[in-house]
Amino acid sequence: MASKAKMFNREAANPRNKPEEILKTLALQQGQKIADIGAGGGYFSLRFAEAVGKQGVVYAIDTDSGKIEFVRRSVAEKRQVTFTWFSLARRA
């Protein structure tokens, strides 16, 4: 699963997808709350965390519990923001 999540992050970071423009358009401020719906590998979740800082909250939401676990592990060492994870995986 980690390789798939990393692939999602590479794609999100690709300049042709304009990640900097997306972040600029959102104009996130310290202390805000934001949801990353379809968090994938967490590229934007981590970028959002940098923007909202210690007083902010990032909600990472995905239908793939494996990707959410990857995001959770990726942010474990980043204590600058509150993360909340949701997996919307279907249960059989």
PDB file of N, CA and C in Angstrom:
ATOM      1  N   MET A   1       0.818  -1.196   0.000  1.00  0.00           N
ATOM      2  CA  MET A   1       0.000   0.000   0.000  1.00  0.00           C
ATOM      3  C   MET A   1       0.863   1.262   0.000  1.00  0.00           C
ATOM      4  N   ALA A   2       1.998   1.206   0.662  1.00  0.00           N
ATOM      5  CA  ALA A   2       2.853   2.391   0.746  1.00  0.00           C
ATOM      6  C   ALA A   2       3.279   2.861  -0.636  1.00  0.00           C
ATOM      7  N   SER A   3       3.585   1.937  -1.534  1.00  0.00           N
ATOM      8  CA  SER A   3       4.024   2.351  -2.870  1.00  0.00           C
ATOM      9  C   SER A   3       2.892   3.054  -3.623  1.00  0.00           C
ATOM     10  N   LYS A   4       1.671   2.601  -3.439  1.00  0.00           N
ATOM     11  CA  LYS A   4       0.526   3.241  -4.086  1.00  0.00           C
ATOM     12  C   LYS A   4       0.301   4.643  -3.509  1.00  0.00           C
ATOM     13  N   ALA A   5       0.418   4.766  -2.200  1.00  0.00           N
ATOM     14  CA  ALA A   5       0.249   6.074  -1.555  1.00  0.00           C
ATOM     15  C   ALA A   5       1.355   7.033  -2.005  1.00  0.00           C
ATOM     16  N   LYS A   6       2.570   6.537  -2.116  1.00  0.00           N
ATOM     17  CA  LYS A   6       3.681   7.376  -2.580  1.00  0.00           C
ATOM     18  C   LYS A   6       3.452   7.830  -4.016  1.00  0.00           C
ATOM     19  N   MET A   7       2.889   6.944  -4.837  1.00  0.00           N
ATOM     20  CA  MET A   7       2.568   7.302  -6.219  1.00  0.00           C
ATOM     21  C   MET A   7       1.539   8.439  -6.243  1.00  0.00           C
ATOM     22  N   PHE A   8       0.522   8.362  -5.374  1.00  0.00           N
ATOM     23  CA  PHE A   8      -0.470   9.434  -5.282  1.00  0.00           C
ATOM     24  C   PHE A   8       0.205  10.749  -4.899  1.00  0.00           C
ATOM     25  N   ASN A   9       1.155  10.692  -3.973  1.00  0.00           N
ATOM     26  CA  ASN A   9       1.849  11.909  -3.543  1.00  0.00           C
ATOM     27  C   ASN A   9       2.700  12.497  -4.661  1.00  0.00           C
ATOM     28  N   ARG A  10       3.390  11.655  -5.414  1.00  0.00           N
ATOM     29  CA  ARG A  10       4.183  12.147  -6.548  1.00  0.00           C
ATOM     30  C   ARG A  10       3.281  12.840  -7.563  1.00  0.00           C
ATOM     31  N   GLU A  11       2.135  12.242  -7.821  1.00  0.00           N
ATOM     32  CA  GLU A  11       1.198  12.823  -8.784  1.00  0.00           C
ATOM     33  C   GLU A  11       0.656  14.160  -8.280  1.00  0.00           C
ATOM     34  N   ALA A  12       0.300  14.222  -7.005  1.00  0.00           N
ATOM     35  CA  ALA A  12      -0.227  15.468  -6.433  1.00  0.00           C
ATOM     36  C   ALA A  12       0.822  16.571  -6.463  1.00  0.00           C
ATOM     37  N   ALA A  13       2.093  16.212  -6.264  1.00  0.00           N
ATOM     38  CA  ALA A  13       3.182  17.191  -6.216  1.00  0.00           C
ATOM     39  C   ALA A  13       3.649  17.630  -7.602  1.00  0.00           C
ATOM     40  N   ASN A  14       3.234  16.927  -8.637  1.00  0.00           N
ATOM     41  CA  ASN A  14       3.674  17.239  -9.990  1.00  0.00           C
ATOM     42  C   ASN A  14       3.268  18.671 -10.359  1.00  0.00           C
ATOM     43  N   PRO A  15       4.214  19.502 -10.780  1.00  0.00           N
ATOM     44  CA  PRO A  15       3.906  20.901 -11.113  1.00  0.00           C
ATOM     45  C   PRO A  15       2.787  21.076 -12.135  1.00  0.00           C
ATOM     46  N   ARG A  16       2.607  20.123 -13.028  1.00  0.00           N
ATOM     47  CA  ARG A  16       1.529  20.267 -14.015  1.00  0.00           C
ATOM     48  C   ARG A  16       0.153  20.228 -13.352  1.00  0.00           C
ATOM     49  N   ASN A  17       0.074  19.698 -12.128  1.00  0.00           N
ATOM     50  CA  ASN A  17      -1.187  19.672 -11.385  1.00  0.00           C
ATOM     51  C   ASN A  17      -1.374  20.907 -10.508  1.00  0.00           C
ATOM     52  N   LYS A  18      -0.402  21.804 -10.557  1.00  0.00           N
ATOM     53  CA  LYS A  18      -0.460  23.107  -9.898  1.00  0.00           C
ATOM     54  C   LYS A  18      -0.744  23.054  -8.388  1.00  0.00           C
ATOM     55  N   PRO A  19       0.020  22.266  -7.630  1.00  0.00           N
ATOM     56  CA  PRO A  19      -0.227  22.200  -6.185  1.00  0.00           C
ATOM     57  C   PRO A  19      -0.029  23.540  -5.481  1.00  0.00           C
ATOM     58  N   GLU A  20       0.944  24.327  -5.928  1.00  0.00           N
ATOM     59  CA  GLU A  20       1.177  25.629  -5.292  1.00  0.00           C
ATOM     60  C   GLU A  20       0.003  26.571  -5.536  1.00  0.00           C
ATOM     61  N   GLU A  21      -0.570  26.494  -6.726  1.00  0.00           N
ATOM     62  CA  GLU A  21      -1.728  27.333  -7.038  1.00  0.00           C
ATOM     63  C   GLU A  21      -2.931  26.926  -6.189  1.00  0.00           C
ATOM     64  N   ILE A  22      -3.095  25.638  -5.985  1.00  0.00           N
ATOM     65  CA  ILE A  22      -4.188  25.147  -5.136  1.00  0.00           C
ATOM     66  C   ILE A  22      -4.033  25.698  -3.724  1.00  0.00           C
ATOM     67  N   LEU A  23      -2.827  25.599  -3.178  1.00  0.00           N
ATOM     68  CA  LEU A  23      -2.593  26.096  -1.819  1.00  0.00           C
ATOM     69  C   LEU A  23      -2.776  27.606  -1.731  1.00  0.00           C
ATOM     70  N   LYS A  24      -2.313  28.316  -2.735  1.00  0.00           N
ATOM     71  CA  LYS A  24      -2.465  29.770  -2.743  1.00  0.00           C
ATOM     72  C   LYS A  24      -3.944  30.153  -2.796  1.00  0.00           C
ATOM     73  N   THR A  25      -4.705  29.448  -3.610  1.00  0.00           N
ATOM     74  CA  THR A  25      -6.139  29.731  -3.740  1.00  0.00           C
ATOM     75  C   THR A  25      -6.878  29.487  -2.429  1.00  0.00           C
ATOM     76  N   LEU A  26      -6.490  28.455  -1.709  1.00  0.00           N
ATOM     77  CA  LEU A  26      -7.135  28.161  -0.423  1.00  0.00           C
ATOM     78  C   LEU A  26      -6.821  29.222   0.630  1.00  0.00           C
ATOM     79  N   ALA A  27      -5.654  29.828   0.525  1.00  0.00           N
ATOM     80  CA  ALA A  27      -5.244  30.893   1.450  1.00  0.00           C
ATOM     81  C   ALA A  27      -5.464  30.503   2.909  1.00  0.00           C
ATOM     82  N   LEU A  28      -5.000  29.317   3.266  1.00  0.00           N
ATOM     83  CA  LEU A  28      -5.167  28.830   4.642  1.00  0.00           C
ATOM     84  C   LEU A  28      -4.401  29.700   5.625  1.00  0.00           C
ATOM     85  N   GLN A  29      -4.976  29.849   6.809  1.00  0.00           N
ATOM     86  CA  GLN A  29      -4.383  30.659   7.871  1.00  0.00           C
ATOM     87  C   GLN A  29      -4.136  29.807   9.106  1.00  0.00           C
ATOM     88  N   GLN A  30      -3.214  30.253   9.937  1.00  0.00           N
ATOM     89  CA  GLN A  30      -2.939  29.592  11.200  1.00  0.00           C
ATOM     90  C   GLN A  30      -4.244  29.423  11.981  1.00  0.00           C
ATOM     91  N   GLY A  31      -4.439  28.236  12.554  1.00  0.00           N
ATOM     92  CA  GLY A  31      -5.588  27.979  13.411  1.00  0.00           C
ATOM     93  C   GLY A  31      -6.843  27.496  12.701  1.00  0.00           C
ATOM     94  N   GLN A  32      -6.829  27.470  11.385  1.00  0.00           N
ATOM     95  CA  GLN A  32      -8.016  27.023  10.652  1.00  0.00           C
ATOM     96  C   GLN A  32      -8.151  25.508  10.694  1.00  0.00           C
ATOM     97  N   LYS A  33      -9.342  25.046  10.340  1.00  0.00           N
ATOM     98  CA  LYS A  33      -9.629  23.622  10.169  1.00  0.00           C
ATOM     99  C   LYS A  33      -9.883  23.385   8.694  1.00  0.00           C
ATOM    100  N   ILE A  34      -9.399  22.232   8.200  1.00  0.00           N
ATOM    101  CA  ILE A  34      -9.612  21.895   6.790  1.00  0.00           C
ATOM    102  C   ILE A  34      -9.720  20.385   6.646  1.00  0.00           C
ATOM    103  N   ALA A  35     -10.549  19.960   5.709  1.00  0.00           N
ATOM    104  CA  ALA A  35     -10.702  18.540   5.399  1.00  0.00           C
ATOM    105  C   ALA A  35     -10.023  18.237   4.069  1.00  0.00           C
ATOM    106  N   ASP A  36      -9.231  17.186   4.067  1.00  0.00           N
ATOM    107  CA  ASP A  36      -8.619  16.679   2.840  1.00  0.00           C
ATOM    108  C   ASP A  36      -9.419  15.440   2.449  1.00  0.00           C
ATOM    109  N   ILE A  37     -10.451  15.656   1.646  1.00  0.00           N
ATOM    110  CA  ILE A  37     -11.350  14.567   1.254  1.00  0.00           C
ATOM    111  C   ILE A  37     -10.759  13.873   0.042  1.00  0.00           C
ATOM    112  N   GLY A  38     -10.547  12.570   0.181  1.00  0.00           N
ATOM    113  CA  GLY A  38      -9.803  11.826  -0.826  1.00  0.00           C
ATOM    114  C   GLY A  38      -8.322  12.052  -0.602  1.00  0.00           C
ATOM    115  N   ALA A  39      -7.906  11.897   0.657  1.00  0.00           N
ATOM    116  CA  ALA A  39      -6.546  12.245   1.083  1.00  0.00           C
ATOM    117  C   ALA A  39      -5.456  11.477   0.348  1.00  0.00           C
ATOM    118  N   GLY A  40      -5.758  10.307  -0.163  1.00  0.00           N
ATOM    119  CA  GLY A  40      -4.740   9.527  -0.865  1.00  0.00           C
ATOM    120  C   GLY A  40      -3.525   9.305   0.012  1.00  0.00           C
ATOM    121  N   GLY A  41      -2.349   9.668  -0.494  1.00  0.00           N
ATOM    122  CA  GLY A  41      -1.109   9.484   0.257  1.00  0.00           C
ATOM    123  C   GLY A  41      -0.814  10.596   1.246  1.00  0.00           C
ATOM    124  N   GLY A  42      -1.671  11.606   1.305  1.00  0.00           N
ATOM    125  CA  GLY A  42      -1.526  12.652   2.307  1.00  0.00           C
ATOM    126  C   GLY A  42      -0.707  13.858   1.892  1.00  0.00           C
ATOM    127  N   TYR A  43      -0.371  13.973   0.609  1.00  0.00           N
ATOM    128  CA  TYR A  43       0.438  15.114   0.168  1.00  0.00           C
ATOM    129  C   TYR A  43      -0.181  16.429   0.620  1.00  0.00           C
ATOM    130  N   PHE A  44      -1.451  16.621   0.308  1.00  0.00           N
ATOM    131  CA  PHE A  44      -2.090  17.878   0.688  1.00  0.00           C
ATOM    132  C   PHE A  44      -2.371  17.942   2.186  1.00  0.00           C
ATOM    133  N   SER A  45      -2.639  16.821   2.817  1.00  0.00           N
ATOM    134  CA  SER A  45      -2.826  16.827   4.274  1.00  0.00           C
ATOM    135  C   SER A  45      -1.604  17.419   4.965  1.00  0.00           C
ATOM    136  N   LEU A  46      -0.430  17.005   4.527  1.00  0.00           N
ATOM    137  CA  LEU A  46       0.810  17.516   5.124  1.00  0.00           C
ATOM    138  C   LEU A  46       1.033  18.986   4.783  1.00  0.00           C
ATOM    139  N   ARG A  47       0.732  19.364   3.560  1.00  0.00           N
ATOM    140  CA  ARG A  47       0.867  20.774   3.169  1.00  0.00           C
ATOM    141  C   ARG A  47      -0.131  21.642   3.933  1.00  0.00           C
ATOM    142  N   PHE A  48      -1.350  21.126   4.109  1.00  0.00           N
ATOM    143  CA  PHE A  48      -2.353  21.857   4.886  1.00  0.00           C
ATOM    144  C   PHE A  48      -1.875  22.036   6.328  1.00  0.00           C
ATOM    145  N   ALA A  49      -1.246  21.001   6.882  1.00  0.00           N
ATOM    146  CA  ALA A  49      -0.751  21.068   8.257  1.00  0.00           C
ATOM    147  C   ALA A  49       0.265  22.188   8.425  1.00  0.00           C
ATOM    148  N   GLU A  50       1.140  22.334   7.452  1.00  0.00           N
ATOM    149  CA  GLU A  50       2.126  23.420   7.501  1.00  0.00           C
ATOM    150  C   GLU A  50       1.425  24.775   7.534  1.00  0.00           C
ATOM    151  N   ALA A  51       0.343  24.889   6.777  1.00  0.00           N
ATOM    152  CA  ALA A  51      -0.357  26.171   6.673  1.00  0.00           C
ATOM    153  C   ALA A  51      -1.180  26.512   7.914  1.00  0.00           C
ATOM    154  N   VAL A  52      -1.854  25.526   8.511  1.00  0.00           N
ATOM    155  CA  VAL A  52      -2.745  25.825   9.637  1.00  0.00           C
ATOM    156  C   VAL A  52      -2.032  25.787  10.985  1.00  0.00           C
ATOM    157  N   GLY A  53      -0.852  25.195  11.031  1.00  0.00           N
ATOM    158  CA  GLY A  53      -0.025  25.234  12.229  1.00  0.00           C
ATOM    159  C   GLY A  53      -0.567  24.473  13.430  1.00  0.00           C
ATOM    160  N   LYS A  54       0.059  24.725  14.583  1.00  0.00           N
ATOM    161  CA  LYS A  54      -0.253  23.987  15.810  1.00  0.00           C
ATOM    162  C   LYS A  54      -1.685  24.171  16.286  1.00  0.00           C
ATOM    163  N   GLN A  55      -2.271  25.311  16.021  1.00  0.00           N
ATOM    164  CA  GLN A  55      -3.636  25.569  16.469  1.00  0.00           C
ATOM    165  C   GLN A  55      -4.680  25.075  15.469  1.00  0.00           C
ATOM    166  N   GLY A  56      -4.245  24.605  14.321  1.00  0.00           N
ATOM    167  CA  GLY A  56      -5.172  24.148  13.288  1.00  0.00           C
ATOM    168  C   GLY A  56      -5.495  22.673  13.404  1.00  0.00           C
ATOM    169  N   VAL A  57      -6.431  22.249  12.578  1.00  0.00           N
ATOM    170  CA  VAL A  57      -6.834  20.842  12.521  1.00  0.00           C
ATOM    171  C   VAL A  57      -6.941  20.440  11.052  1.00  0.00           C
ATOM    172  N   VAL A  58      -6.386  19.273  10.725  1.00  0.00           N
ATOM    173  CA  VAL A  58      -6.520  18.697   9.391  1.00  0.00           C
ATOM    174  C   VAL A  58      -7.279  17.390   9.528  1.00  0.00           C
ATOM    175  N   TYR A  59      -8.374  17.271   8.800  1.00  0.00           N
ATOM    176  CA  TYR A  59      -9.149  16.032   8.739  1.00  0.00           C
ATOM    177  C   TYR A  59      -8.763  15.322   7.452  1.00  0.00           C
ATOM    178  N   ALA A  60      -8.131  14.163   7.553  1.00  0.00           N
ATOM    179  CA  ALA A  60      -7.751  13.373   6.382  1.00  0.00           C
ATOM    180  C   ALA A  60      -8.792  12.269   6.201  1.00  0.00           C
ATOM    181  N   ILE A  61      -9.460  12.278   5.053  1.00  0.00           N
ATOM    182  CA  ILE A  61     -10.570  11.361   4.793  1.00  0.00           C
ATOM    183  C   ILE A  61     -10.309  10.616   3.491  1.00  0.00           C
ATOM    184  N   ASP A  62     -10.489   9.290   3.531  1.00  0.00           N
ATOM    185  CA  ASP A  62     -10.313   8.493   2.323  1.00  0.00           C
ATOM    186  C   ASP A  62     -11.134   7.217   2.448  1.00  0.00           C
ATOM    187  N   THR A  63     -11.461   6.624   1.318  1.00  0.00           N
ATOM    188  CA  THR A  63     -12.200   5.361   1.328  1.00  0.00           C
ATOM    189  C   THR A  63     -11.280   4.164   1.520  1.00  0.00           C
ATOM    190  N   ASP A  64      -9.987   4.375   1.399  1.00  0.00           N
ATOM    191  CA  ASP A  64      -8.997   3.299   1.505  1.00  0.00           C
ATOM    192  C   ASP A  64      -8.303   3.390   2.857  1.00  0.00           C
ATOM    193  N   SER A  65      -8.604   2.453   3.731  1.00  0.00           N
ATOM    194  CA  SER A  65      -8.023   2.484   5.082  1.00  0.00           C
ATOM    195  C   SER A  65      -6.502   2.339   5.048  1.00  0.00           C
ATOM    196  N   GLY A  66      -5.962   1.669   4.036  1.00  0.00           N
ATOM    197  CA  GLY A  66      -4.514   1.548   3.897  1.00  0.00           C
ATOM    198  C   GLY A  66      -3.849   2.894   3.648  1.00  0.00           C
ATOM    199  N   LYS A  67      -4.485   3.721   2.839  1.00  0.00           N
ATOM    200  CA  LYS A  67      -3.935   5.053   2.582  1.00  0.00           C
ATOM    201  C   LYS A  67      -4.015   5.917   3.837  1.00  0.00           C
ATOM    202  N   ILE A  68      -5.110   5.802   4.564  1.00  0.00           N
ATOM    203  CA  ILE A  68      -5.238   6.556   5.811  1.00  0.00           C
ATOM    204  C   ILE A  68      -4.161   6.128   6.799  1.00  0.00           C
ATOM    205  N   GLU A  69      -3.863   4.851   6.848  1.00  0.00           N
ATOM    206  CA  GLU A  69      -2.797   4.365   7.728  1.00  0.00           C
ATOM    207  C   GLU A  69      -1.449   4.942   7.286  1.00  0.00           C
ATOM    208  N   PHE A  70      -1.216   5.033   5.984  1.00  0.00           N
ATOM    209  CA  PHE A  70       0.022   5.626   5.476  1.00  0.00           C
ATOM    210  C   PHE A  70       0.124   7.084   5.903  1.00  0.00           C
ATOM    211  N   VAL A  71      -0.973   7.827   5.774  1.00  0.00           N
ATOM    212  CA  VAL A  71      -0.983   9.227   6.201  1.00  0.00           C
ATOM    213  C   VAL A  71      -0.707   9.307   7.700  1.00  0.00           C
ATOM    214  N   ARG A  72      -1.358   8.453   8.469  1.00  0.00           N
ATOM    215  CA  ARG A  72      -1.171   8.454   9.924  1.00  0.00           C
ATOM    216  C   ARG A  72       0.296   8.253  10.288  1.00  0.00           C
ATOM    217  N   ARG A  73       0.940   7.300   9.638  1.00  0.00           N
ATOM    218  CA  ARG A  73       2.364   7.049   9.909  1.00  0.00           C
ATOM    219  C   ARG A  73       3.231   8.224   9.443  1.00  0.00           C
ATOM    220  N   SER A  74       2.857   8.826   8.323  1.00  0.00           N
ATOM    221  CA  SER A  74       3.641   9.942   7.785  1.00  0.00           C
ATOM    222  C   SER A  74       3.629  11.152   8.702  1.00  0.00           C
ATOM    223  N   VAL A  75       2.540  11.364   9.392  1.00  0.00           N
ATOM    224  CA  VAL A  75       2.437  12.548  10.246  1.00  0.00           C
ATOM    225  C   VAL A  75       2.774  12.266  11.703  1.00  0.00           C
ATOM    226  N   ALA A  76       3.085  11.019  12.027  1.00  0.00           N
ATOM    227  CA  ALA A  76       3.352  10.656  13.425  1.00  0.00           C
ATOM    228  C   ALA A  76       4.446  11.526  14.040  1.00  0.00           C
ATOM    229  N   GLU A  77       5.463  11.857  13.262  1.00  0.00           N
ATOM    230  CA  GLU A  77       6.555  12.662  13.784  1.00  0.00           C
ATOM    231  C   GLU A  77       6.271  14.162  13.709  1.00  0.00           C
ATOM    232  N   LYS A  78       5.201  14.527  13.028  1.00  0.00           N
ATOM    233  CA  LYS A  78       4.857  15.946  12.883  1.00  0.00           C
ATOM    234  C   LYS A  78       3.816  16.313  13.934  1.00  0.00           C
ATOM    235  N   ARG A  79       4.267  16.943  14.971  1.00  0.00           N
ATOM    236  CA  ARG A  79       3.391  17.270  16.090  1.00  0.00           C
ATOM    237  C   ARG A  79       2.888  18.714  16.026  1.00  0.00           C
ATOM    238  N   GLN A  80       3.050  19.367  14.897  1.00  0.00           N
ATOM    239  CA  GLN A  80       2.714  20.775  14.835  1.00  0.00           C
ATOM    240  C   GLN A  80       1.222  21.028  14.605  1.00  0.00           C
ATOM    241  N   VAL A  81       0.443  19.995  14.391  1.00  0.00           N
ATOM    242  CA  VAL A  81      -0.971  20.200  14.092  1.00  0.00           C
ATOM    243  C   VAL A  81      -1.764  18.992  14.549  1.00  0.00           C
ATOM    244  N   THR A  82      -3.038  19.193  14.782  1.00  0.00           N
ATOM    245  CA  THR A  82      -3.925  18.096  15.133  1.00  0.00           C
ATOM    246  C   THR A  82      -4.446  17.454  13.856  1.00  0.00           C
ATOM    247  N   PHE A  83      -4.239  16.150  13.731  1.00  0.00           N
ATOM    248  CA  PHE A  83      -4.775  15.398  12.607  1.00  0.00           C
ATOM    249  C   PHE A  83      -5.896  14.509  13.112  1.00  0.00           C
ATOM    250  N   THR A  84      -6.939  14.393  12.327  1.00  0.00           N
ATOM    251  CA  THR A  84      -8.013  13.447  12.586  1.00  0.00           C
ATOM    252  C   THR A  84      -8.182  12.648  11.315  1.00  0.00           C
ATOM    253  N   TRP A  85      -8.242  11.317  11.435  1.00  0.00           N
ATOM    254  CA  TRP A  85      -8.320  10.445  10.276  1.00  0.00           C
ATOM    255  C   TRP A  85      -9.667   9.771  10.222  1.00  0.00           C
ATOM    256  N   PHE A  86     -10.178   9.619   9.014  1.00  0.00           N
ATOM    257  CA  PHE A  86     -11.406   8.894   8.794  1.00  0.00           C
ATOM    258  C   PHE A  86     -11.190   7.959   7.615  1.00  0.00           C
ATOM    259  N   SER A  87     -11.563   6.718   7.794  1.00  0.00           N
ATOM    260  CA  SER A  87     -11.569   5.787   6.683  1.00  0.00           C
ATOM    261  C   SER A  87     -13.021   5.482   6.370  1.00  0.00           C
ATOM    262  N   LEU A  88     -13.400   5.693   5.150  1.00  0.00           N
ATOM    263  CA  LEU A  88     -14.762   5.433   4.717  1.00  0.00           C
ATOM    264  C   LEU A  88     -14.838   4.137   3.925  1.00  0.00           C
ATOM    265  N   ALA A  89     -13.948   3.203   4.270  1.00  0.00           N
ATOM    266  CA  ALA A  89     -13.887   1.931   3.572  1.00  0.00           C
ATOM    267  C   ALA A  89     -15.189   1.158   3.792  1.00  0.00           C
ATOM    268  N   ARG A  90     -15.633   0.521   2.756  1.00  0.00           N
ATOM    269  CA  ARG A  90     -16.836  -0.314   2.873  1.00  0.00           C
ATOM    270  C   ARG A  90     -16.524  -1.548   3.682  1.00  0.00           C
ATOM    271  N   ARG A  91     -17.472  -1.898   4.475  1.00  0.00           N
ATOM    272  CA  ARG A  91     -17.333  -3.134   5.266  1.00  0.00           C
ATOM    273  C   ARG A  91     -18.273  -4.173   4.680  1.00  0.00           C
ATOM    274  N   ALA A  92     -17.731  -5.349   4.422  1.00  0.00           N
ATOM    275  CA  ALA A  92     -18.535  -6.410   3.815  1.00  0.00           C
ATOM    276  C   ALA A  92     -19.401  -7.086   4.846  1.00  0.00           C
TER     277      ALA A  92
END
